[in-house]
Amino acid sequence: EVAYEETPVRPLLSLQGGLVDLVGQLAEVKVPLLLMNSPDDHVVDPGDSEHLAEVYGGSVERVSLDHSFHVATQDEDQGLIIERSLQFIDTVTT
């Protein structure tokens, strides 16, 4: 799936640099995290979400998107994503 005519290289490099700094600080983040991923994602290794859940400093709520691939918001689990996101927002803001 092509989303852009060109790859924005400068922002991509900036993002990667920021992520390197962030990784070492994930244990310090204490806000609740809603972590959704597809076990069948062919772009992002599903193991990355396992690692994030392990090193994250706050509470983690996991949702497996079993009927979707990489662009889950446009796939079969779109309704589940909306439902669980709204529930999470309600939980953390009340």
Protein backbone atom coordinates (compact mmCIF):
# COMPACT_ATOMS: atom_id res chain seq x y z
CA GLU A 1 0.00 0.00 0.00
CA VAL A 2 1.55 3.28 -1.09
CA ALA A 3 0.54 6.18 1.13
CA TYR A 4 2.92 8.86 -0.10
CA GLU A 5 4.44 9.78 -3.45
CA GLU A 6 7.77 10.42 -1.72
CA THR A 7 9.34 9.35 1.55
CA PRO A 8 9.82 12.28 3.94
CA VAL A 9 13.41 11.39 4.89
CA ARG A 10 14.21 14.25 7.31
CA PRO A 11 11.15 13.66 9.51
CA LEU A 12 11.81 9.92 9.39
CA LEU A 13 15.39 10.38 10.60
CA SER A 14 14.19 12.79 13.31
CA LEU A 15 11.60 10.24 14.47
CA GLN A 16 14.20 7.47 14.61
CA GLY A 17 16.54 9.65 16.66
CA GLY A 18 13.76 10.52 19.07
CA LEU A 19 12.79 6.88 19.45
CA VAL A 20 16.34 5.96 20.40
CA ASP A 21 16.16 8.49 23.24
CA LEU A 22 12.67 7.38 24.27
CA VAL A 23 13.43 3.65 24.52
CA GLY A 24 15.68 4.15 27.52
CA GLN A 25 13.00 6.17 29.30
CA LEU A 26 9.95 3.91 28.82
CA ALA A 27 10.22 2.50 32.35
CA GLU A 28 9.80 6.02 33.70
CA VAL A 29 6.48 6.62 31.91
CA LYS A 30 3.64 5.96 34.35
CA VAL A 31 0.46 6.92 32.45
CA PRO A 32 -1.85 4.05 31.43
CA LEU A 33 -1.20 2.61 27.98
CA LEU A 34 -3.70 0.99 25.62
CA LEU A 35 -1.62 -1.27 23.40
CA MET A 36 -3.30 -2.79 20.35
CA ASN A 37 -1.60 -4.86 17.72
CA SER A 38 -2.21 -7.57 15.19
CA PRO A 39 -0.38 -10.87 15.63
CA ASP A 40 -0.42 -11.06 11.80
CA ASP A 41 1.17 -7.67 11.12
CA HIS A 42 3.58 -8.13 8.22
CA VAL A 43 5.15 -4.67 8.59
CA VAL A 44 5.81 -4.28 12.32
CA ASP A 45 7.08 -7.30 14.23
CA PRO A 46 4.35 -8.28 16.74
CA GLY A 47 7.18 -9.03 19.18
CA ASP A 48 7.78 -5.29 19.43
CA SER A 49 4.51 -4.92 21.35
CA GLU A 50 5.59 -7.66 23.75
CA HIS A 51 8.81 -5.80 24.43
CA LEU A 52 6.99 -2.50 24.93
CA ALA A 53 4.55 -4.08 27.40
CA GLU A 54 7.46 -5.58 29.35
CA VAL A 55 9.55 -2.41 29.69
CA TYR A 56 6.75 0.14 30.05
CA GLY A 57 6.52 1.72 33.52
CA GLY A 58 2.76 2.21 33.76
CA SER A 59 -0.22 -0.08 33.51
CA VAL A 60 -0.72 -1.72 30.13
CA GLU A 61 -4.04 -2.86 28.69
CA ARG A 62 -3.52 -5.22 25.75
CA VAL A 63 -5.91 -5.77 22.85
CA SER A 64 -5.11 -8.36 20.19
CA LEU A 65 -6.45 -7.47 16.74
CA ASP A 66 -6.83 -11.03 15.54
CA HIS A 67 -8.77 -10.24 12.37
CA SER A 68 -6.56 -7.49 10.97
CA PHE A 69 -3.16 -6.86 9.49
CA HIS A 70 -0.95 -3.73 9.57
CA VAL A 71 -3.56 -1.04 8.89
CA ALA A 72 -6.01 -2.38 11.45
CA THR A 73 -8.09 0.80 11.55
CA GLN A 74 -9.13 0.02 7.98
CA ASP A 75 -9.50 -3.72 8.50
CA GLU A 76 -11.90 -6.15 10.18
CA ASP A 77 -11.09 -4.98 13.72
CA GLN A 78 -11.99 -1.33 13.10
CA GLY A 79 -15.10 -1.58 15.30
CA LEU A 80 -13.14 -3.24 18.11
CA ILE A 81 -10.49 -0.51 17.96
CA ILE A 82 -13.13 2.21 18.26
CA GLU A 83 -14.98 0.42 21.06
CA ARG A 84 -11.90 -0.34 23.16
CA SER A 85 -10.42 3.13 22.58
CA LEU A 86 -13.60 4.81 23.83
CA GLN A 87 -13.71 2.49 26.87
CA PHE A 88 -10.07 3.26 27.65
CA ILE A 89 -10.60 7.00 27.31
CA ASP A 90 -13.60 6.81 29.60
CA THR A 91 -11.65 4.80 32.17
CA VAL A 92 -8.63 7.10 32.31
CA THR A 93 -10.59 10.35 32.29
CA THR A 94 -13.20 9.60 34.96
